[in-house]
N, C-alpha and C. Protein backbone atom coordinates (compact mmCIF):
# COMPACT_ATOMS: atom_id res chain seq x y z
N MET A 1 16.47 -5.95 7.72
CA MET A 1 15.67 -5.49 6.61
C MET A 1 14.91 -4.22 6.97
N ILE A 2 14.80 -3.36 6.04
CA ILE A 2 14.03 -2.14 6.21
C ILE A 2 12.60 -2.45 5.84
N ARG A 3 11.67 -2.04 6.69
CA ARG A 3 10.24 -2.24 6.39
C ARG A 3 9.56 -0.90 6.61
N ASP A 4 9.07 -0.31 5.52
CA ASP A 4 8.39 0.97 5.59
C ASP A 4 6.97 0.82 5.09
N THR A 5 6.06 1.58 5.70
CA THR A 5 4.71 1.71 5.19
C THR A 5 4.57 3.16 4.76
N LEU A 6 4.23 3.36 3.50
CA LEU A 6 4.12 4.70 2.94
C LEU A 6 2.69 4.97 2.54
N VAL A 7 2.25 6.20 2.76
CA VAL A 7 0.93 6.63 2.30
C VAL A 7 1.16 7.62 1.17
N VAL A 8 0.57 7.32 0.01
CA VAL A 8 0.78 8.13 -1.18
C VAL A 8 -0.53 8.75 -1.60
N ASP A 9 -0.57 10.08 -1.68
CA ASP A 9 -1.74 10.78 -2.19
C ASP A 9 -1.59 10.89 -3.70
N ALA A 10 -2.55 10.32 -4.42
CA ALA A 10 -2.51 10.34 -5.89
C ALA A 10 -3.83 10.90 -6.39
N GLY A 11 -3.91 12.21 -6.50
CA GLY A 11 -5.16 12.84 -6.92
C GLY A 11 -6.23 12.67 -5.86
N ASP A 12 -7.33 11.99 -6.22
CA ASP A 12 -8.43 11.82 -5.28
C ASP A 12 -8.32 10.53 -4.48
N VAL A 13 -7.17 9.85 -4.56
CA VAL A 13 -7.01 8.55 -3.91
C VAL A 13 -5.79 8.57 -3.01
N ARG A 14 -5.89 7.91 -1.87
CA ARG A 14 -4.77 7.72 -0.96
C ARG A 14 -4.45 6.23 -0.94
N LEU A 15 -3.24 5.87 -1.40
CA LEU A 15 -2.82 4.48 -1.47
C LEU A 15 -1.78 4.18 -0.40
N THR A 16 -1.80 2.96 0.11
CA THR A 16 -0.82 2.52 1.09
C THR A 16 0.13 1.53 0.44
N ALA A 17 1.43 1.79 0.56
CA ALA A 17 2.46 0.91 0.00
C ALA A 17 3.34 0.38 1.13
N HIS A 18 3.85 -0.82 0.93
CA HIS A 18 4.73 -1.47 1.90
C HIS A 18 6.03 -1.80 1.19
N VAL A 19 7.15 -1.38 1.78
CA VAL A 19 8.46 -1.54 1.16
C VAL A 19 9.39 -2.24 2.14
N SER A 20 10.09 -3.28 1.65
CA SER A 20 11.06 -3.97 2.50
C SER A 20 12.24 -4.42 1.64
N GLY A 21 13.32 -4.77 2.29
CA GLY A 21 14.52 -5.22 1.59
C GLY A 21 15.58 -4.15 1.57
N PRO A 22 16.78 -4.55 1.16
CA PRO A 22 17.90 -3.60 1.12
C PRO A 22 17.64 -2.46 0.12
N ARG A 23 17.99 -1.25 0.50
CA ARG A 23 17.78 -0.09 -0.37
C ARG A 23 18.51 -0.21 -1.70
N GLU A 24 19.66 -0.86 -1.71
CA GLU A 24 20.45 -0.97 -2.93
C GLU A 24 20.04 -2.16 -3.81
N ALA A 25 19.11 -2.98 -3.35
CA ALA A 25 18.69 -4.17 -4.10
C ALA A 25 17.77 -3.79 -5.27
N PRO A 26 17.70 -4.64 -6.28
CA PRO A 26 16.78 -4.36 -7.40
C PRO A 26 15.33 -4.33 -6.92
N PRO A 27 14.53 -3.38 -7.39
CA PRO A 27 13.14 -3.30 -6.95
C PRO A 27 12.29 -4.40 -7.60
N LEU A 28 11.34 -4.91 -6.83
CA LEU A 28 10.39 -5.89 -7.31
C LEU A 28 9.01 -5.45 -6.83
N VAL A 29 8.12 -5.10 -7.75
CA VAL A 29 6.78 -4.62 -7.41
C VAL A 29 5.80 -5.78 -7.58
N LEU A 30 5.06 -6.09 -6.52
CA LEU A 30 4.07 -7.15 -6.54
C LEU A 30 2.68 -6.53 -6.44
N VAL A 31 1.82 -6.80 -7.39
CA VAL A 31 0.47 -6.22 -7.44
C VAL A 31 -0.54 -7.34 -7.28
N HIS A 32 -1.44 -7.20 -6.32
CA HIS A 32 -2.44 -8.23 -6.06
C HIS A 32 -3.63 -8.09 -7.01
N GLY A 33 -4.44 -9.13 -7.07
CA GLY A 33 -5.66 -9.12 -7.88
C GLY A 33 -6.89 -8.93 -7.01
N TYR A 34 -8.03 -8.90 -7.64
CA TYR A 34 -9.30 -8.73 -6.94
C TYR A 34 -9.72 -10.07 -6.36
N PRO A 35 -10.21 -10.16 -5.16
CA PRO A 35 -10.50 -9.14 -4.17
C PRO A 35 -9.46 -9.08 -3.06
N ASP A 36 -8.23 -9.45 -3.34
CA ASP A 36 -7.18 -9.50 -2.31
C ASP A 36 -6.67 -8.13 -1.91
N SER A 37 -5.66 -8.11 -1.06
CA SER A 37 -4.96 -6.89 -0.68
C SER A 37 -3.47 -7.19 -0.72
N ALA A 38 -2.65 -6.22 -0.41
CA ALA A 38 -1.20 -6.41 -0.40
C ALA A 38 -0.78 -7.50 0.57
N ALA A 39 -1.61 -7.80 1.56
CA ALA A 39 -1.29 -8.84 2.55
C ALA A 39 -1.10 -10.21 1.92
N VAL A 40 -1.67 -10.44 0.74
CA VAL A 40 -1.54 -11.73 0.08
C VAL A 40 -0.08 -12.05 -0.25
N TRP A 41 0.77 -11.02 -0.35
CA TRP A 41 2.17 -11.21 -0.71
C TRP A 41 3.09 -11.44 0.49
N GLU A 42 2.60 -11.33 1.70
CA GLU A 42 3.48 -11.43 2.88
C GLU A 42 4.29 -12.73 2.95
N PRO A 43 3.71 -13.91 2.69
CA PRO A 43 4.54 -15.13 2.74
C PRO A 43 5.67 -15.11 1.71
N LEU A 44 5.42 -14.58 0.53
CA LEU A 44 6.45 -14.49 -0.50
C LEU A 44 7.47 -13.42 -0.18
N ARG A 45 7.02 -12.32 0.43
CA ARG A 45 7.93 -11.22 0.80
C ARG A 45 9.05 -11.75 1.69
N ALA A 46 8.72 -12.62 2.63
CA ALA A 46 9.72 -13.15 3.55
C ALA A 46 10.83 -13.90 2.82
N GLN A 47 10.51 -14.47 1.67
CA GLN A 47 11.50 -15.21 0.89
C GLN A 47 12.29 -14.32 -0.06
N LEU A 48 11.74 -13.16 -0.39
CA LEU A 48 12.35 -12.29 -1.42
C LEU A 48 13.09 -11.08 -0.88
N ASP A 49 12.71 -10.59 0.31
CA ASP A 49 13.25 -9.28 0.71
C ASP A 49 14.70 -9.31 1.19
N GLY A 50 15.36 -10.46 1.12
CA GLY A 50 16.80 -10.50 1.35
C GLY A 50 17.58 -10.16 0.09
N ARG A 51 16.95 -10.37 -1.08
CA ARG A 51 17.61 -10.15 -2.37
C ARG A 51 17.04 -9.00 -3.17
N TYR A 52 15.81 -8.59 -2.85
CA TYR A 52 15.11 -7.56 -3.61
C TYR A 52 14.56 -6.49 -2.69
N ARG A 53 14.30 -5.33 -3.23
CA ARG A 53 13.54 -4.27 -2.56
C ARG A 53 12.09 -4.53 -2.95
N VAL A 54 11.35 -5.19 -2.08
CA VAL A 54 9.99 -5.65 -2.38
C VAL A 54 9.00 -4.52 -2.08
N ILE A 55 8.18 -4.20 -3.08
CA ILE A 55 7.19 -3.12 -2.97
C ILE A 55 5.82 -3.71 -3.27
N THR A 56 4.90 -3.57 -2.32
CA THR A 56 3.52 -3.99 -2.52
C THR A 56 2.62 -2.81 -2.18
N TYR A 57 1.41 -2.81 -2.71
CA TYR A 57 0.47 -1.75 -2.36
C TYR A 57 -0.95 -2.26 -2.54
N ASP A 58 -1.89 -1.59 -1.91
CA ASP A 58 -3.30 -1.91 -2.04
C ASP A 58 -3.87 -1.10 -3.18
N VAL A 59 -4.37 -1.79 -4.22
CA VAL A 59 -4.95 -1.09 -5.36
C VAL A 59 -6.28 -0.46 -4.94
N ARG A 60 -6.81 0.41 -5.80
CA ARG A 60 -8.11 1.05 -5.52
C ARG A 60 -9.16 0.00 -5.17
N GLY A 61 -9.88 0.24 -4.10
CA GLY A 61 -10.96 -0.65 -3.71
C GLY A 61 -10.55 -1.82 -2.85
N ALA A 62 -9.27 -1.91 -2.46
CA ALA A 62 -8.81 -3.05 -1.68
C ALA A 62 -7.94 -2.59 -0.51
N GLY A 63 -7.94 -3.37 0.55
CA GLY A 63 -7.04 -3.11 1.67
C GLY A 63 -7.19 -1.73 2.28
N ALA A 64 -6.06 -1.01 2.39
CA ALA A 64 -6.03 0.27 3.10
C ALA A 64 -6.18 1.48 2.19
N TRP A 65 -6.67 1.33 0.96
CA TRP A 65 -6.86 2.49 0.09
C TRP A 65 -7.96 3.37 0.65
N ARG A 66 -7.94 4.63 0.32
CA ARG A 66 -8.96 5.59 0.76
C ARG A 66 -9.23 6.58 -0.36
N ARG A 67 -10.48 7.00 -0.50
CA ARG A 67 -10.83 8.05 -1.46
C ARG A 67 -10.85 9.36 -0.69
N ARG A 68 -10.16 10.36 -1.20
CA ARG A 68 -10.15 11.67 -0.56
C ARG A 68 -11.43 12.40 -0.90
N LEU A 69 -12.03 13.05 0.08
CA LEU A 69 -13.23 13.84 -0.12
C LEU A 69 -12.87 15.31 0.00
N ALA A 70 -13.81 16.17 -0.35
CA ALA A 70 -13.58 17.60 -0.22
C ALA A 70 -13.34 17.94 1.24
N GLY A 71 -12.36 18.75 1.50
CA GLY A 71 -12.06 19.17 2.87
C GLY A 71 -10.75 18.56 3.33
N PRO A 72 -9.96 19.31 4.05
CA PRO A 72 -8.66 18.83 4.50
C PRO A 72 -8.81 17.72 5.54
N GLY A 73 -8.02 16.68 5.39
CA GLY A 73 -7.97 15.62 6.39
C GLY A 73 -9.15 14.68 6.39
N ILE A 74 -10.04 14.75 5.40
CA ILE A 74 -11.20 13.87 5.37
C ILE A 74 -10.99 12.85 4.26
N VAL A 75 -11.07 11.58 4.62
CA VAL A 75 -10.91 10.51 3.63
C VAL A 75 -12.07 9.53 3.77
N SER A 76 -12.22 8.67 2.77
CA SER A 76 -13.31 7.70 2.78
C SER A 76 -12.78 6.38 2.25
N ASN A 77 -13.41 5.29 2.66
CA ASN A 77 -13.04 3.99 2.10
C ASN A 77 -13.95 3.65 0.94
N GLY A 78 -14.66 4.61 0.41
CA GLY A 78 -15.55 4.41 -0.71
C GLY A 78 -17.00 4.28 -0.31
N SER A 79 -17.26 4.13 0.99
CA SER A 79 -18.65 4.01 1.42
C SER A 79 -19.00 5.09 2.44
N LEU A 80 -18.34 5.11 3.57
CA LEU A 80 -18.62 6.11 4.61
C LEU A 80 -17.39 6.99 4.85
N PRO A 81 -17.58 8.27 5.09
CA PRO A 81 -16.43 9.13 5.37
C PRO A 81 -15.74 8.73 6.67
N ILE A 82 -14.44 8.89 6.68
CA ILE A 82 -13.64 8.66 7.89
C ILE A 82 -12.99 10.00 8.21
N VAL A 83 -13.30 10.55 9.35
CA VAL A 83 -12.77 11.85 9.73
C VAL A 83 -11.78 11.62 10.86
N PRO A 84 -10.51 11.97 10.66
CA PRO A 84 -9.51 11.78 11.71
C PRO A 84 -9.82 12.64 12.93
N PRO A 85 -9.43 12.17 14.12
CA PRO A 85 -9.68 12.95 15.34
C PRO A 85 -8.94 14.26 15.37
């Protein structure tokens, strides 16, 4: 199985998506509720990613999402800035 973690910049937000399963399989997008993260789908992913291209992501305010701040390479988790080394 292919397992990729993708970081997607969407305007002022940086979202993390997790993709697994055969590339040619039908896509299945699983979206978690509040206050969970994409990790809530891991037990189900193991059962589905043989037949589907399973896509999960952390919605705004959960898991690995980040708010982009002014300046290159500076992101925030919504409370304190995180500046990469």
